[in-house]
Amino acid sequence: MASRDINVIALVKGGERYVFLYDDDSREQALRTLARQAADPTLSFSWYDAAVLAQKIRQNTPRPRRLPLAPRADRRT
């Protein structure tokens, strides 16, 4: 089950602030949004900025939960 927590990633660049909000289910959409912003020539948001923030988004990916190991059948208790 996906978390309903909201992730926030932000960049302050000069007098501008870029703030991106996303949940775990919209992680890929957030990455695409970074690319669209970097491609916009009217913004100071660069491809480098997008790459740095994308790396942070990927590092924040929740890891799957591990299942507990069952006791070995050949062990005597």
N, C-alpha and C. Protein backbone atom coordinates (compact mmCIF):
# COMPACT_ATOMS: atom_id res chain seq x y z
N MET A 1 0.84 -1.17 0.00
CA MET A 1 0.00 0.00 0.00
C MET A 1 0.88 1.23 0.00
N ALA A 2 0.58 2.20 -0.83
CA ALA A 2 1.39 3.40 -0.95
C ALA A 2 1.12 4.35 0.21
N SER A 3 2.13 5.09 0.54
CA SER A 3 2.02 6.07 1.60
C SER A 3 1.25 7.29 1.10
N ARG A 4 0.51 7.94 1.95
CA ARG A 4 -0.21 9.15 1.57
C ARG A 4 0.58 10.38 2.01
N ASP A 5 1.82 10.20 2.42
CA ASP A 5 2.66 11.31 2.80
C ASP A 5 3.00 12.14 1.57
N ILE A 6 3.17 13.42 1.76
CA ILE A 6 3.57 14.32 0.69
C ILE A 6 5.06 14.60 0.85
N ASN A 7 5.80 14.40 -0.23
CA ASN A 7 7.23 14.70 -0.26
C ASN A 7 7.40 16.10 -0.81
N VAL A 8 8.35 16.84 -0.26
CA VAL A 8 8.63 18.21 -0.70
C VAL A 8 10.09 18.29 -1.07
N ILE A 9 10.36 18.85 -2.23
CA ILE A 9 11.72 19.11 -2.65
C ILE A 9 11.74 20.54 -3.18
N ALA A 10 12.74 21.29 -2.79
CA ALA A 10 12.76 22.72 -3.14
C ALA A 10 14.16 23.17 -3.54
N LEU A 11 14.17 24.23 -4.32
CA LEU A 11 15.42 24.86 -4.75
C LEU A 11 15.21 26.35 -4.69
N VAL A 12 16.13 27.04 -4.03
CA VAL A 12 16.13 28.50 -4.02
C VAL A 12 17.28 28.93 -4.90
N LYS A 13 16.97 29.70 -5.92
CA LYS A 13 17.97 30.12 -6.90
C LYS A 13 17.81 31.62 -7.10
N GLY A 14 18.74 32.37 -6.51
CA GLY A 14 18.60 33.82 -6.56
C GLY A 14 17.34 34.22 -5.81
N GLY A 15 16.50 35.00 -6.45
CA GLY A 15 15.25 35.43 -5.83
C GLY A 15 14.09 34.51 -6.14
N GLU A 16 14.35 33.41 -6.84
CA GLU A 16 13.29 32.48 -7.23
C GLU A 16 13.30 31.26 -6.33
N ARG A 17 12.11 30.71 -6.16
CA ARG A 17 11.95 29.47 -5.39
C ARG A 17 11.19 28.48 -6.24
N TYR A 18 11.74 27.29 -6.33
CA TYR A 18 11.08 26.19 -7.04
C TYR A 18 10.75 25.14 -5.99
N VAL A 19 9.46 24.88 -5.82
CA VAL A 19 9.00 23.91 -4.82
C VAL A 19 8.15 22.87 -5.53
N PHE A 20 8.50 21.61 -5.32
CA PHE A 20 7.80 20.50 -5.95
C PHE A 20 7.23 19.61 -4.85
N LEU A 21 5.95 19.30 -4.95
CA LEU A 21 5.26 18.42 -4.01
C LEU A 21 4.82 17.18 -4.77
N TYR A 22 5.02 16.02 -4.18
CA TYR A 22 4.60 14.78 -4.83
C TYR A 22 4.44 13.70 -3.77
N ASP A 23 3.60 12.73 -4.07
CA ASP A 23 3.48 11.57 -3.18
C ASP A 23 4.21 10.40 -3.85
N ASP A 24 4.30 9.30 -3.17
CA ASP A 24 5.06 8.16 -3.70
C ASP A 24 4.49 7.65 -5.02
N ASP A 25 3.18 7.77 -5.21
CA ASP A 25 2.55 7.30 -6.44
C ASP A 25 2.83 8.21 -7.63
N SER A 26 3.21 9.45 -7.39
CA SER A 26 3.43 10.40 -8.48
C SER A 26 4.91 10.74 -8.66
N ARG A 27 5.78 9.89 -8.19
CA ARG A 27 7.22 10.11 -8.28
C ARG A 27 7.68 10.28 -9.73
N GLU A 28 7.23 9.42 -10.63
CA GLU A 28 7.62 9.51 -12.05
C GLU A 28 7.10 10.80 -12.68
N GLN A 29 5.92 11.19 -12.31
CA GLN A 29 5.36 12.44 -12.83
C GLN A 29 6.18 13.63 -12.33
N ALA A 30 6.65 13.59 -11.11
CA ALA A 30 7.50 14.66 -10.57
C ALA A 30 8.80 14.76 -11.37
N LEU A 31 9.38 13.62 -11.72
CA LEU A 31 10.60 13.62 -12.52
C LEU A 31 10.36 14.24 -13.90
N ARG A 32 9.22 13.93 -14.51
CA ARG A 32 8.88 14.53 -15.80
C ARG A 32 8.67 16.03 -15.68
N THR A 33 8.08 16.46 -14.57
CA THR A 33 7.88 17.89 -14.34
C THR A 33 9.20 18.63 -14.23
N LEU A 34 10.17 18.02 -13.56
CA LEU A 34 11.50 18.64 -13.49
C LEU A 34 12.06 18.86 -14.89
N ALA A 35 11.92 17.88 -15.76
CA ALA A 35 12.42 17.99 -17.12
C ALA A 35 11.70 19.10 -17.89
N ARG A 36 10.38 19.18 -17.73
CA ARG A 36 9.63 20.25 -18.42
C ARG A 36 10.08 21.63 -17.95
N GLN A 37 10.32 21.76 -16.65
CA GLN A 37 10.76 23.05 -16.12
C GLN A 37 12.15 23.40 -16.65
N ALA A 38 13.04 22.41 -16.73
CA ALA A 38 14.39 22.66 -17.23
C ALA A 38 14.37 23.04 -18.71
N ALA A 39 13.43 22.53 -19.47
CA ALA A 39 13.34 22.81 -20.89
C ALA A 39 12.71 24.17 -21.19
N ASP A 40 12.14 24.80 -20.19
CA ASP A 40 11.48 26.10 -20.38
C ASP A 40 12.53 27.21 -20.38
N PRO A 41 12.75 27.86 -21.52
CA PRO A 41 13.80 28.89 -21.59
C PRO A 41 13.47 30.17 -20.82
N THR A 42 12.21 30.32 -20.39
CA THR A 42 11.85 31.52 -19.64
C THR A 42 12.18 31.40 -18.15
N LEU A 43 12.60 30.21 -17.72
CA LEU A 43 12.94 29.99 -16.32
C LEU A 43 14.44 29.90 -16.14
N SER A 44 14.90 30.21 -14.95
CA SER A 44 16.33 30.05 -14.65
C SER A 44 16.63 28.63 -14.18
N PHE A 45 15.61 27.79 -14.10
CA PHE A 45 15.76 26.40 -13.68
C PHE A 45 16.49 25.64 -14.78
N SER A 46 17.67 25.12 -14.47
CA SER A 46 18.53 24.50 -15.49
C SER A 46 18.42 22.98 -15.47
N TRP A 47 19.05 22.37 -16.49
CA TRP A 47 19.11 20.91 -16.53
C TRP A 47 19.93 20.38 -15.35
N TYR A 48 20.93 21.12 -14.95
CA TYR A 48 21.72 20.72 -13.77
C TYR A 48 20.82 20.71 -12.53
N ASP A 49 20.02 21.77 -12.37
CA ASP A 49 19.08 21.83 -11.23
C ASP A 49 18.15 20.63 -11.26
N ALA A 50 17.63 20.31 -12.45
CA ALA A 50 16.71 19.17 -12.59
C ALA A 50 17.41 17.87 -12.22
N ALA A 51 18.66 17.72 -12.65
CA ALA A 51 19.40 16.48 -12.35
C ALA A 51 19.64 16.33 -10.86
N VAL A 52 19.99 17.41 -10.19
CA VAL A 52 20.25 17.36 -8.74
C VAL A 52 18.97 16.99 -8.00
N LEU A 53 17.86 17.64 -8.35
CA LEU A 53 16.60 17.35 -7.67
C LEU A 53 16.10 15.95 -8.01
N ALA A 54 16.29 15.51 -9.24
CA ALA A 54 15.88 14.16 -9.62
C ALA A 54 16.65 13.11 -8.82
N GLN A 55 17.92 13.36 -8.60
CA GLN A 55 18.72 12.44 -7.79
C GLN A 55 18.17 12.36 -6.37
N LYS A 56 17.77 13.50 -5.82
CA LYS A 56 17.20 13.51 -4.47
C LYS A 56 15.87 12.75 -4.44
N ILE A 57 15.07 12.91 -5.48
CA ILE A 57 13.80 12.17 -5.54
C ILE A 57 14.07 10.67 -5.59
N ARG A 58 15.02 10.27 -6.40
CA ARG A 58 15.33 8.84 -6.52
C ARG A 58 15.91 8.27 -5.23
N GLN A 59 16.71 9.06 -4.53
CA GLN A 59 17.28 8.61 -3.26
C GLN A 59 16.21 8.47 -2.19
N ASN A 60 15.12 9.19 -2.35
CA ASN A 60 14.04 9.18 -1.38
C ASN A 60 13.00 8.10 -1.69
N THR A 61 13.29 7.24 -2.66
CA THR A 61 12.36 6.17 -3.02
C THR A 61 12.28 5.17 -1.88
N PRO A 62 11.08 4.89 -1.41
CA PRO A 62 10.96 3.92 -0.32
C PRO A 62 11.38 2.53 -0.78
N ARG A 63 12.08 1.85 0.07
CA ARG A 63 12.51 0.48 -0.25
C ARG A 63 11.40 -0.48 0.13
N PRO A 64 11.28 -1.56 -0.63
CA PRO A 64 10.25 -2.55 -0.29
C PRO A 64 10.53 -3.14 1.09
N ARG A 65 9.47 -3.43 1.78
CA ARG A 65 9.62 -4.03 3.12
C ARG A 65 10.07 -5.46 2.97
N ARG A 66 11.01 -5.84 3.82
CA ARG A 66 11.49 -7.23 3.81
C ARG A 66 10.58 -8.09 4.65
N LEU A 67 10.36 -9.27 4.16
CA LEU A 67 9.56 -10.23 4.92
C LEU A 67 10.48 -10.93 5.92
N PRO A 68 9.98 -11.23 7.10
CA PRO A 68 10.81 -11.95 8.06
C PRO A 68 11.13 -13.35 7.54
N LEU A 69 12.30 -13.81 7.85
CA LEU A 69 12.70 -15.15 7.42
C LEU A 69 12.02 -16.21 8.29
N ALA A 70 11.63 -17.28 7.64
CA ALA A 70 11.03 -18.39 8.37
C ALA A 70 12.17 -19.20 8.99
N PRO A 71 11.91 -19.82 10.13
CA PRO A 71 12.95 -20.66 10.73
C PRO A 71 13.31 -21.82 9.80
N ARG A 72 14.56 -22.19 9.83
CA ARG A 72 15.01 -23.31 8.99
C ARG A 72 14.42 -24.62 9.49
N ALA A 73 13.99 -25.44 8.55
CA ALA A 73 13.34 -26.70 8.89
C ALA A 73 14.35 -27.72 9.45
N ASP A 74 15.62 -27.58 9.10
CA ASP A 74 16.59 -28.59 9.54
C ASP A 74 17.19 -28.28 10.92
N ARG A 75 16.78 -27.17 11.52
CA ARG A 75 17.29 -26.85 12.86
C ARG A 75 16.40 -27.47 13.91
N ARG A 76 17.07 -27.96 14.93
CA ARG A 76 16.31 -28.49 16.07
C ARG A 76 16.22 -27.43 17.13
N THR A 77 15.08 -27.30 17.72
CA THR A 77 14.89 -26.29 18.76
C THR A 77 14.96 -26.88 20.12
